[in-house]
Amino acid sequence: MENYEKLLELSHIKGVNIYFDTKWLFNRTLRSDLNSADLIIRLLAIDNYLGKNEFGFELYNKMQQKRIVTNREIPKNNKDYENEFKKLIQSIEINGYDTEKPVELNKRFEVFDGAHRLACAVAFNIHKIPVKFSQKYINKTYDYSLEWFRNNGLSNFETYIMEKYQELVKKEIIVGDKYV
């Protein structure tokens, strides 16, 4: 039995909560090939919310529009993603992380549902967050790499992504980096 299979079993036992180190999970999901560069765009949006830049939500909204078109997993109900994200940021900023809402992982220990919550946990220096392994996502993969941004007409995002990436390396949030 593989580790994720053991954790999958545990994550469905009532009263059993599994927590992962936020930095480790962020690095695991982002990967050294920047397969989840969308996480960095979310961090830039949080920075925008906190008054640290004036462009984060513009990038976020453009990314979300492309993600909605290219990813069948994302609900297409014309949700106001920006306002929903702002409500989440505000809630976590004021109340802390809601431990009743674990992020869902695939078998590679990558966040498949909960990237907004993971980005907030990183931004607000929350050390551990709850996780669960969902059968729905266990074998799924995704690609929001720099190549995905280029292929979707968002190549101008690369500069912002890499600048934030370097900042995260300096803050020791990203470790074991191949881009430094």
N, C-alpha and C. Protein backbone atom coordinates (compact mmCIF):
# COMPACT_ATOMS: atom_id res chain seq x y z
N MET A 1 0.85 -1.18 0.00
CA MET A 1 0.00 0.00 0.00
C MET A 1 0.90 1.24 0.00
N GLU A 2 0.60 2.18 -0.91
CA GLU A 2 1.39 3.40 -1.00
C GLU A 2 0.95 4.40 0.07
N ASN A 3 1.84 5.39 0.34
CA ASN A 3 1.55 6.38 1.38
C ASN A 3 0.22 7.09 1.17
N TYR A 4 -0.04 7.50 -0.08
CA TYR A 4 -1.29 8.22 -0.32
C TYR A 4 -2.50 7.33 -0.05
N GLU A 5 -2.37 6.03 -0.30
CA GLU A 5 -3.48 5.11 -0.04
C GLU A 5 -3.77 5.02 1.46
N LYS A 6 -2.72 5.00 2.27
CA LYS A 6 -2.91 4.99 3.72
C LYS A 6 -3.57 6.29 4.18
N LEU A 7 -3.08 7.40 3.64
CA LEU A 7 -3.66 8.69 4.00
C LEU A 7 -5.08 8.84 3.46
N LEU A 8 -5.35 8.27 2.30
CA LEU A 8 -6.70 8.29 1.76
C LEU A 8 -7.66 7.60 2.71
N GLU A 9 -7.26 6.45 3.22
CA GLU A 9 -8.09 5.74 4.20
C GLU A 9 -8.29 6.58 5.46
N LEU A 10 -7.21 7.12 5.98
CA LEU A 10 -7.29 7.92 7.20
C LEU A 10 -8.15 9.17 7.03
N SER A 11 -8.04 9.79 5.86
CA SER A 11 -8.76 11.06 5.66
C SER A 11 -10.26 10.89 5.62
N HIS A 12 -10.74 9.66 5.53
CA HIS A 12 -12.19 9.44 5.50
C HIS A 12 -12.73 8.89 6.81
N ILE A 13 -11.89 8.81 7.82
CA ILE A 13 -12.34 8.38 9.14
C ILE A 13 -12.81 9.61 9.91
N LYS A 14 -14.04 9.57 10.36
CA LYS A 14 -14.60 10.71 11.08
C LYS A 14 -13.75 11.01 12.31
N GLY A 15 -13.41 12.27 12.47
CA GLY A 15 -12.62 12.70 13.61
C GLY A 15 -11.12 12.68 13.39
N VAL A 16 -10.68 12.09 12.28
CA VAL A 16 -9.24 12.06 11.97
C VAL A 16 -8.95 13.22 11.02
N ASN A 17 -8.06 14.08 11.45
CA ASN A 17 -7.65 15.22 10.64
C ASN A 17 -6.18 15.08 10.30
N ILE A 18 -5.85 15.33 9.05
CA ILE A 18 -4.47 15.26 8.58
C ILE A 18 -4.04 16.68 8.24
N TYR A 19 -2.89 17.08 8.78
CA TYR A 19 -2.36 18.41 8.51
C TYR A 19 -0.99 18.26 7.85
N PHE A 20 -0.74 19.11 6.86
CA PHE A 20 0.57 19.15 6.21
C PHE A 20 1.18 20.52 6.45
N ASP A 21 2.50 20.54 6.47
CA ASP A 21 3.24 21.79 6.53
C ASP A 21 2.92 22.61 5.28
N THR A 22 2.54 23.85 5.45
CA THR A 22 2.10 24.69 4.35
C THR A 22 3.21 24.92 3.33
N LYS A 23 4.41 25.24 3.79
CA LYS A 23 5.52 25.47 2.86
C LYS A 23 5.82 24.22 2.06
N TRP A 24 5.83 23.07 2.73
CA TRP A 24 6.11 21.81 2.03
C TRP A 24 5.04 21.56 0.96
N LEU A 25 3.78 21.75 1.32
CA LEU A 25 2.69 21.51 0.38
C LEU A 25 2.74 22.50 -0.78
N PHE A 26 3.05 23.74 -0.48
CA PHE A 26 3.18 24.75 -1.53
C PHE A 26 4.28 24.35 -2.51
N ASN A 27 5.44 23.97 -1.98
CA ASN A 27 6.55 23.55 -2.84
C ASN A 27 6.21 22.28 -3.62
N ARG A 28 5.55 21.35 -2.97
CA ARG A 28 5.18 20.10 -3.62
C ARG A 28 4.21 20.36 -4.77
N THR A 29 3.26 21.27 -4.56
CA THR A 29 2.27 21.58 -5.59
C THR A 29 2.88 22.42 -6.70
N LEU A 30 3.68 23.41 -6.34
CA LEU A 30 4.31 24.29 -7.33
C LEU A 30 5.30 23.51 -8.19
N ARG A 31 6.06 22.63 -7.56
CA ARG A 31 7.08 21.79 -8.19
C ARG A 31 8.20 22.63 -8.78
N SER A 32 9.32 22.00 -8.96
CA SER A 32 10.49 22.71 -9.48
C SER A 32 10.32 23.12 -10.94
N ASP A 33 9.34 22.54 -11.63
CA ASP A 33 9.09 22.93 -13.02
C ASP A 33 7.99 23.98 -13.14
N LEU A 34 7.57 24.55 -12.01
CA LEU A 34 6.52 25.57 -11.96
C LEU A 34 5.23 25.09 -12.63
N ASN A 35 4.89 23.84 -12.41
CA ASN A 35 3.67 23.27 -13.00
C ASN A 35 2.41 23.96 -12.48
N SER A 36 2.50 24.61 -11.34
CA SER A 36 1.35 25.32 -10.76
C SER A 36 1.67 26.80 -10.59
N ALA A 37 2.08 27.42 -11.67
CA ALA A 37 2.38 28.86 -11.62
C ALA A 37 1.13 29.67 -11.28
N ASP A 38 -0.04 29.06 -11.42
CA ASP A 38 -1.29 29.73 -11.04
C ASP A 38 -1.31 30.07 -9.55
N LEU A 39 -0.58 29.28 -8.75
CA LEU A 39 -0.48 29.60 -7.31
C LEU A 39 0.18 30.96 -7.10
N ILE A 40 1.16 31.25 -7.92
CA ILE A 40 1.86 32.53 -7.78
C ILE A 40 0.95 33.68 -8.20
N ILE A 41 0.13 33.47 -9.21
CA ILE A 41 -0.84 34.51 -9.60
C ILE A 41 -1.80 34.77 -8.44
N ARG A 42 -2.22 33.72 -7.76
CA ARG A 42 -3.10 33.89 -6.59
C ARG A 42 -2.41 34.71 -5.50
N LEU A 43 -1.12 34.45 -5.28
CA LEU A 43 -0.37 35.24 -4.29
C LEU A 43 -0.27 36.71 -4.72
N LEU A 44 -0.12 36.96 -6.00
CA LEU A 44 -0.09 38.34 -6.49
C LEU A 44 -1.44 39.02 -6.28
N ALA A 45 -2.54 38.26 -6.44
CA ALA A 45 -3.87 38.82 -6.18
C ALA A 45 -4.02 39.16 -4.69
N ILE A 46 -3.51 38.28 -3.83
CA ILE A 46 -3.56 38.56 -2.38
C ILE A 46 -2.74 39.81 -2.07
N ASP A 47 -1.58 39.93 -2.69
CA ASP A 47 -0.76 41.14 -2.52
C ASP A 47 -1.55 42.37 -2.94
N ASN A 48 -2.29 42.28 -4.04
CA ASN A 48 -3.12 43.39 -4.51
C ASN A 48 -4.17 43.74 -3.45
N TYR A 49 -4.82 42.73 -2.90
CA TYR A 49 -5.81 42.93 -1.84
C TYR A 49 -5.19 43.65 -0.64
N LEU A 50 -3.95 43.29 -0.32
CA LEU A 50 -3.26 43.88 0.83
C LEU A 50 -2.58 45.21 0.51
N GLY A 51 -2.75 45.70 -0.72
CA GLY A 51 -2.18 46.98 -1.12
C GLY A 51 -0.71 46.93 -1.47
N LYS A 52 -0.17 45.77 -1.78
CA LYS A 52 1.25 45.63 -2.11
C LYS A 52 1.52 45.76 -3.61
N ASN A 53 0.50 45.67 -4.43
CA ASN A 53 0.63 45.93 -5.87
C ASN A 53 -0.73 46.39 -6.38
N GLU A 54 -0.76 46.82 -7.63
CA GLU A 54 -2.02 47.31 -8.20
C GLU A 54 -2.48 46.47 -9.39
N PHE A 55 -1.89 45.30 -9.58
CA PHE A 55 -2.18 44.51 -10.78
C PHE A 55 -2.58 43.07 -10.51
N GLY A 56 -2.48 42.60 -9.28
CA GLY A 56 -2.69 41.19 -8.98
C GLY A 56 -4.04 40.65 -9.41
N PHE A 57 -5.11 41.39 -9.14
CA PHE A 57 -6.43 40.89 -9.52
C PHE A 57 -6.68 41.00 -11.02
N GLU A 58 -6.03 41.93 -11.67
CA GLU A 58 -6.15 41.98 -13.13
C GLU A 58 -5.57 40.70 -13.74
N LEU A 59 -4.39 40.30 -13.27
CA LEU A 59 -3.78 39.05 -13.73
C LEU A 59 -4.65 37.85 -13.36
N TYR A 60 -5.11 37.84 -12.12
CA TYR A 60 -5.94 36.74 -11.63
C TYR A 60 -7.19 36.57 -12.49
N ASN A 61 -7.89 37.68 -12.77
CA ASN A 61 -9.12 37.60 -13.56
C ASN A 61 -8.87 37.08 -14.97
N LYS A 62 -7.79 37.54 -15.59
CA LYS A 62 -7.45 37.06 -16.93
C LYS A 62 -7.12 35.57 -16.89
N MET A 63 -6.37 35.15 -15.87
CA MET A 63 -6.03 33.74 -15.73
C MET A 63 -7.30 32.91 -15.54
N GLN A 64 -8.18 33.35 -14.65
CA GLN A 64 -9.40 32.60 -14.38
C GLN A 64 -10.26 32.47 -15.64
N GLN A 65 -10.34 33.52 -16.43
CA GLN A 65 -11.12 33.44 -17.68
C GLN A 65 -10.58 32.34 -18.58
N LYS A 66 -9.27 32.24 -18.68
CA LYS A 66 -8.65 31.19 -19.51
C LYS A 66 -8.84 29.82 -18.87
N ARG A 67 -8.69 29.73 -17.56
CA ARG A 67 -8.84 28.44 -16.87
C ARG A 67 -10.27 27.90 -17.03
N ILE A 68 -11.25 28.77 -16.95
CA ILE A 68 -12.64 28.36 -17.08
C ILE A 68 -12.88 27.72 -18.45
N VAL A 69 -12.28 28.28 -19.47
CA VAL A 69 -12.45 27.77 -20.83
C VAL A 69 -11.72 26.44 -21.01
N THR A 70 -10.52 26.31 -20.42
CA THR A 70 -9.67 25.15 -20.71
C THR A 70 -9.79 24.00 -19.72
N ASN A 71 -10.47 24.20 -18.59
CA ASN A 71 -10.52 23.16 -17.56
C ASN A 71 -11.97 22.79 -17.26
N ARG A 72 -12.35 21.56 -17.57
CA ARG A 72 -13.72 21.10 -17.34
C ARG A 72 -14.08 21.02 -15.86
N GLU A 73 -13.09 20.93 -14.98
CA GLU A 73 -13.33 20.80 -13.54
C GLU A 73 -13.85 22.09 -12.91
N ILE A 74 -13.60 23.23 -13.56
CA ILE A 74 -13.97 24.52 -12.98
C ILE A 74 -15.41 24.84 -13.35
N PRO A 75 -16.25 25.13 -12.35
CA PRO A 75 -17.66 25.45 -12.63
C PRO A 75 -17.76 26.66 -13.56
N LYS A 76 -18.68 26.60 -14.49
CA LYS A 76 -18.83 27.67 -15.49
C LYS A 76 -20.12 28.46 -15.23
N ASN A 77 -20.40 28.72 -13.99
CA ASN A 77 -21.67 29.37 -13.62
C ASN A 77 -21.55 30.89 -13.51
N ASN A 78 -20.59 31.47 -14.24
CA ASN A 78 -20.40 32.92 -14.24
C ASN A 78 -20.23 33.50 -12.84
N LYS A 79 -19.61 32.75 -11.98
CA LYS A 79 -19.33 33.21 -10.64
C LYS A 79 -18.41 34.43 -10.68
N ASP A 80 -18.54 35.27 -9.72
CA ASP A 80 -17.64 36.41 -9.60
C ASP A 80 -16.43 35.93 -8.81
N TYR A 81 -15.47 35.34 -9.50
CA TYR A 81 -14.32 34.73 -8.86
C TYR A 81 -13.52 35.72 -8.03
N GLU A 82 -13.38 36.94 -8.53
CA GLU A 82 -12.61 37.93 -7.78
C GLU A 82 -13.25 38.22 -6.43
N ASN A 83 -14.54 38.48 -6.40
CA ASN A 83 -15.19 38.79 -5.12
C ASN A 83 -15.20 37.59 -4.19
N GLU A 84 -15.38 36.40 -4.73
CA GLU A 84 -15.32 35.18 -3.91
C GLU A 84 -13.94 35.03 -3.29
N PHE A 85 -12.90 35.29 -4.07
CA PHE A 85 -11.54 35.18 -3.57
C PHE A 85 -11.29 36.26 -2.51
N LYS A 86 -11.76 37.46 -2.74
CA LYS A 86 -11.59 38.54 -1.76
C LYS A 86 -12.27 38.19 -0.44
N LYS A 87 -13.45 37.57 -0.52
CA LYS A 87 -14.14 37.15 0.71
C LYS A 87 -13.32 36.10 1.46
N LEU A 88 -12.73 35.17 0.72
CA LEU A 88 -11.88 34.14 1.33
C LEU A 88 -10.66 34.78 1.99
N ILE A 89 -10.00 35.68 1.28
CA ILE A 89 -8.82 36.36 1.83
C ILE A 89 -9.18 37.08 3.11
N GLN A 90 -10.27 37.83 3.07
CA GLN A 90 -10.71 38.58 4.25
C GLN A 90 -11.03 37.65 5.40
N SER A 91 -11.72 36.57 5.12
CA SER A 91 -12.08 35.61 6.17
C SER A 91 -10.84 35.01 6.82
N ILE A 92 -9.88 34.60 6.02
CA ILE A 92 -8.67 34.00 6.58
C ILE A 92 -7.83 35.05 7.30
N GLU A 93 -7.80 36.26 6.77
CA GLU A 93 -7.05 37.34 7.43
C GLU A 93 -7.64 37.64 8.81
N ILE A 94 -8.95 37.63 8.93
CA ILE A 94 -9.62 37.98 10.19
C ILE A 94 -9.75 36.78 11.12
N ASN A 95 -10.18 35.65 10.58
CA ASN A 95 -10.54 34.49 11.42
C ASN A 95 -9.51 33.37 11.41
N GLY A 96 -8.52 33.45 10.56
CA GLY A 96 -7.58 32.34 10.41
C GLY A 96 -8.14 31.31 9.45
N TYR A 97 -7.40 30.24 9.25
CA TYR A 97 -7.77 29.19 8.31
C TYR A 97 -8.92 28.36 8.90
N ASP A 98 -9.94 28.11 8.11
CA ASP A 98 -11.07 27.29 8.53
C ASP A 98 -10.68 25.82 8.42
N THR A 99 -10.40 25.19 9.54
CA THR A 99 -9.91 23.81 9.54
C THR A 99 -10.99 22.81 9.12
N GLU A 100 -12.21 23.26 8.96
CA GLU A 100 -13.28 22.39 8.47
C GLU A 100 -13.25 22.26 6.95
N LYS A 101 -12.33 22.98 6.30
CA LYS A 101 -12.25 22.96 4.84
C LYS A 101 -10.84 22.56 4.39
N PRO A 102 -10.55 21.26 4.44
CA PRO A 102 -9.22 20.81 4.02
C PRO A 102 -9.04 20.97 2.50
N VAL A 103 -7.80 21.15 2.08
CA VAL A 103 -7.51 21.14 0.65
C VAL A 103 -7.46 19.68 0.21
N GLU A 104 -7.85 19.44 -1.03
CA GLU A 104 -7.89 18.08 -1.53
C GLU A 104 -6.69 17.82 -2.43
N LEU A 105 -6.08 16.66 -2.22
CA LEU A 105 -4.84 16.32 -2.90
C LEU A 105 -5.02 15.15 -3.86
N ASN A 106 -4.13 15.11 -4.86
CA ASN A 106 -4.04 13.92 -5.70
C ASN A 106 -2.97 13.00 -5.11
N LYS A 107 -2.71 11.89 -5.75
CA LYS A 107 -1.77 10.92 -5.17
C LYS A 107 -0.33 11.39 -5.21
N ARG A 108 -0.05 12.46 -5.92
CA ARG A 108 1.30 13.05 -5.93
C ARG A 108 1.48 14.06 -4.80
N PHE A 109 0.47 14.16 -3.95
CA PHE A 109 0.48 15.12 -2.84
C PHE A 109 0.47 16.56 -3.36
N GLU A 110 -0.23 16.79 -4.46
CA GLU A 110 -0.38 18.12 -5.03
C GLU A 110 -1.81 18.58 -4.79
N VAL A 111 -1.99 19.86 -4.51
CA VAL A 111 -3.33 20.40 -4.27
C VAL A 111 -4.11 20.38 -5.57
N PHE A 112 -5.26 19.75 -5.52
CA PHE A 112 -6.13 19.71 -6.69
C PHE A 112 -7.36 20.56 -6.48
N ASP A 113 -7.82 20.67 -5.28
CA ASP A 113 -8.93 21.56 -4.95
C ASP A 113 -8.56 22.27 -3.65
N GLY A 114 -8.36 23.58 -3.75
CA GLY A 114 -7.98 24.34 -2.56
C GLY A 114 -6.78 25.25 -2.78
N ALA A 115 -6.46 25.53 -4.04
CA ALA A 115 -5.30 26.37 -4.33
C ALA A 115 -5.45 27.78 -3.76
N HIS A 116 -6.68 28.30 -3.76
CA HIS A 116 -6.91 29.63 -3.18
C HIS A 116 -6.60 29.60 -1.68
N ARG A 117 -7.06 28.55 -1.00
CA ARG A 117 -6.82 28.43 0.44
C ARG A 117 -5.33 28.24 0.73
N LEU A 118 -4.66 27.44 -0.10
CA LEU A 118 -3.21 27.25 0.09
C LEU A 118 -2.47 28.58 -0.10
N ALA A 119 -2.82 29.33 -1.13
CA ALA A 119 -2.17 30.63 -1.35
C ALA A 119 -2.40 31.56 -0.16
N CYS A 120 -3.61 31.57 0.39
CA CYS A 120 -3.89 32.40 1.57
C CYS A 120 -3.06 31.93 2.76
N ALA A 121 -2.94 30.63 2.94
CA ALA A 121 -2.15 30.10 4.06
C ALA A 121 -0.70 30.53 3.93
N VAL A 122 -0.17 30.52 2.71
CA VAL A 122 1.21 30.98 2.49
C VAL A 122 1.30 32.48 2.79
N ALA A 123 0.37 33.25 2.24
CA ALA A 123 0.41 34.71 2.40
C ALA A 123 0.30 35.14 3.86
N PHE A 124 -0.49 34.41 4.64
CA PHE A 124 -0.70 34.78 6.04
C PHE A 124 0.13 33.96 7.01
N ASN A 125 1.13 33.27 6.45
CA ASN A 125 2.11 32.54 7.26
C ASN A 125 1.45 31.53 8.22
N ILE A 126 0.48 30.81 7.69
CA ILE A 126 -0.17 29.74 8.46
C ILE A 126 0.67 28.49 8.24
N HIS A 127 1.18 27.93 9.31
CA HIS A 127 2.20 26.89 9.21
C HIS A 127 1.69 25.52 8.78
N LYS A 128 0.49 25.17 9.18
CA LYS A 128 -0.07 23.86 8.82
C LYS A 128 -1.52 24.02 8.41
N ILE A 129 -1.92 23.24 7.39
CA ILE A 129 -3.32 23.28 6.95
C ILE A 129 -3.83 21.86 6.79
N PRO A 130 -5.15 21.69 6.96
CA PRO A 130 -5.74 20.35 6.83
C PRO A 130 -5.79 19.92 5.36
N VAL A 131 -5.59 18.63 5.15
CA VAL A 131 -5.66 18.06 3.80
C VAL A 131 -6.49 16.79 3.83
N LYS A 132 -6.96 16.42 2.67
CA LYS A 132 -7.58 15.11 2.52
C LYS A 132 -7.33 14.64 1.10
N PHE A 133 -7.35 13.34 0.94
CA PHE A 133 -7.19 12.74 -0.37
C PHE A 133 -8.58 12.35 -0.85
N SER A 134 -8.95 12.87 -1.98
CA SER A 134 -10.28 12.61 -2.53
C SER A 134 -10.15 11.62 -3.69
N GLN A 135 -10.97 10.61 -3.67
CA GLN A 135 -10.98 9.64 -4.76
C GLN A 135 -11.23 10.34 -6.10
N LYS A 136 -11.99 11.42 -6.06
CA LYS A 136 -12.32 12.18 -7.27
C LYS A 136 -11.06 12.70 -7.97
N TYR A 137 -10.05 13.09 -7.18
CA TYR A 137 -8.86 13.73 -7.74
C TYR A 137 -7.62 12.85 -7.69
N ILE A 138 -7.69 11.70 -7.11
CA ILE A 138 -6.50 10.92 -6.77
C ILE A 138 -5.57 10.68 -7.97
N ASN A 139 -6.12 10.43 -9.15
CA ASN A 139 -5.29 10.15 -10.32
C ASN A 139 -5.22 11.30 -11.31
N LYS A 140 -5.78 12.43 -10.95
CA LYS A 140 -5.81 13.57 -11.87
C LYS A 140 -4.51 14.37 -11.80
N THR A 141 -4.21 14.98 -12.90
CA THR A 141 -3.07 15.90 -12.98
C THR A 141 -3.55 17.17 -13.68
N TYR A 142 -2.73 18.16 -13.69
CA TYR A 142 -3.07 19.42 -14.33
C TYR A 142 -1.79 20.08 -14.78
N ASP A 143 -1.93 21.13 -15.58
CA ASP A 143 -0.78 21.88 -16.05
C ASP A 143 -1.13 23.35 -16.11
N TYR A 144 -0.62 24.09 -15.14
CA TYR A 144 -0.69 25.54 -15.18
C TYR A 144 0.73 26.08 -15.12
N SER A 145 1.57 25.48 -15.94
CA SER A 145 2.98 25.85 -16.02
C SER A 145 3.14 27.16 -16.80
N LEU A 146 4.36 27.64 -16.86
CA LEU A 146 4.63 28.82 -17.67
C LEU A 146 4.24 28.56 -19.12
N GLU A 147 4.43 27.33 -19.58
CA GLU A 147 4.04 26.97 -20.95
C GLU A 147 2.53 27.13 -21.15
N TRP A 148 1.72 26.74 -20.13
CA TRP A 148 0.28 26.92 -20.22
C TRP A 148 -0.05 28.40 -20.38
N PHE A 149 0.62 29.26 -19.61
CA PHE A 149 0.38 30.70 -19.72
C PHE A 149 0.73 31.18 -21.13
N ARG A 150 1.87 30.72 -21.66
CA ARG A 150 2.27 31.11 -23.02
C ARG A 150 1.25 30.63 -24.04
N ASN A 151 0.83 29.38 -23.93
CA ASN A 151 -0.11 28.80 -24.90
C ASN A 151 -1.49 29.42 -24.84
N ASN A 152 -1.81 30.11 -23.76
CA ASN A 152 -3.12 30.73 -23.60
C ASN A 152 -3.08 32.24 -23.72
N GLY A 153 -2.04 32.74 -24.38
CA GLY A 153 -1.95 34.16 -24.66
C GLY A 153 -1.63 35.01 -23.44
N LEU A 154 -1.04 34.39 -22.42
CA LEU A 154 -0.72 35.11 -21.19
C LEU A 154 0.79 35.14 -20.94
N SER A 155 1.56 35.17 -22.01
CA SER A 155 3.02 35.12 -21.86
C SER A 155 3.56 36.33 -21.11
N ASN A 156 2.84 37.45 -21.14
CA ASN A 156 3.27 38.63 -20.39
C ASN A 156 3.22 38.41 -18.88
N PHE A 157 2.55 37.35 -18.42
CA PHE A 157 2.49 37.03 -16.99
C PHE A 157 3.82 36.50 -16.47
N GLU A 158 4.64 35.98 -17.35
CA GLU A 158 5.86 35.29 -16.93
C GLU A 158 6.76 36.20 -16.10
N THR A 159 6.89 37.46 -16.48
CA THR A 159 7.73 38.39 -15.72
C THR A 159 7.22 38.55 -14.30
N TYR A 160 5.91 38.73 -14.14
CA TYR A 160 5.31 38.87 -12.81
C TYR A 160 5.49 37.60 -11.99
N ILE A 161 5.28 36.46 -12.64
CA ILE A 161 5.43 35.18 -11.95
C ILE A 161 6.86 35.00 -11.46
N MET A 162 7.83 35.28 -12.31
CA MET A 162 9.23 35.07 -11.94
C MET A 162 9.68 36.07 -10.87
N GLU A 163 9.20 37.30 -10.92
CA GLU A 163 9.55 38.27 -9.88
C GLU A 163 9.01 37.82 -8.52
N LYS A 164 7.77 37.37 -8.49
CA LYS A 164 7.18 36.88 -7.24
C LYS A 164 7.88 35.62 -6.79
N TYR A 165 8.23 34.77 -7.74
CA TYR A 165 8.95 33.54 -7.45
C TYR A 165 10.27 33.86 -6.73
N GLN A 166 11.02 34.82 -7.26
CA GLN A 166 12.29 35.21 -6.64
C GLN A 166 12.07 35.76 -5.23
N GLU A 167 11.01 36.52 -5.04
CA GLU A 167 10.67 37.03 -3.72
C GLU A 167 10.40 35.88 -2.74
N LEU A 168 9.68 34.86 -3.21
CA LEU A 168 9.36 33.71 -2.37
C LEU A 168 10.61 32.90 -2.02
N VAL A 169 11.55 32.85 -2.93
CA VAL A 169 12.83 32.18 -2.66
C VAL A 169 13.58 32.95 -1.57
N LYS A 170 13.63 34.27 -1.69
CA LYS A 170 14.32 35.09 -0.69
C LYS A 170 13.68 34.96 0.70
N LYS A 171 12.37 34.80 0.73
CA LYS A 171 11.67 34.64 2.01
C LYS A 171 11.72 33.19 2.51
N GLU A 172 12.39 32.33 1.74
CA GLU A 172 12.54 30.91 2.05
C GLU A 172 11.21 30.17 2.10
N ILE A 173 10.28 30.64 1.30
CA ILE A 173 9.02 29.91 1.14
C ILE A 173 9.21 28.85 0.06
N ILE A 174 9.94 29.20 -0.99
CA ILE A 174 10.30 28.23 -2.01
C ILE A 174 11.71 27.75 -1.71
N VAL A 175 11.86 26.44 -1.66
CA VAL A 175 13.18 25.84 -1.39
C VAL A 175 13.51 24.83 -2.47
N GLY A 176 14.80 24.51 -2.60
CA GLY A 176 15.22 23.54 -3.60
C GLY A 176 14.92 24.02 -5.00
N ASP A 177 15.28 25.25 -5.28
CA ASP A 177 14.87 25.94 -6.48
C ASP A 177 15.83 25.75 -7.65
N LYS A 178 15.28 25.55 -8.85
CA LYS A 178 16.12 25.43 -10.02
C LYS A 178 16.17 26.73 -10.84
N TYR A 179 15.35 27.72 -10.49
CA TYR A 179 15.30 28.96 -11.25
C TYR A 179 16.17 30.07 -10.67
N VAL A 180 16.81 29.84 -9.54
CA VAL A 180 17.64 30.88 -8.92
C VAL A 180 19.01 30.87 -9.56
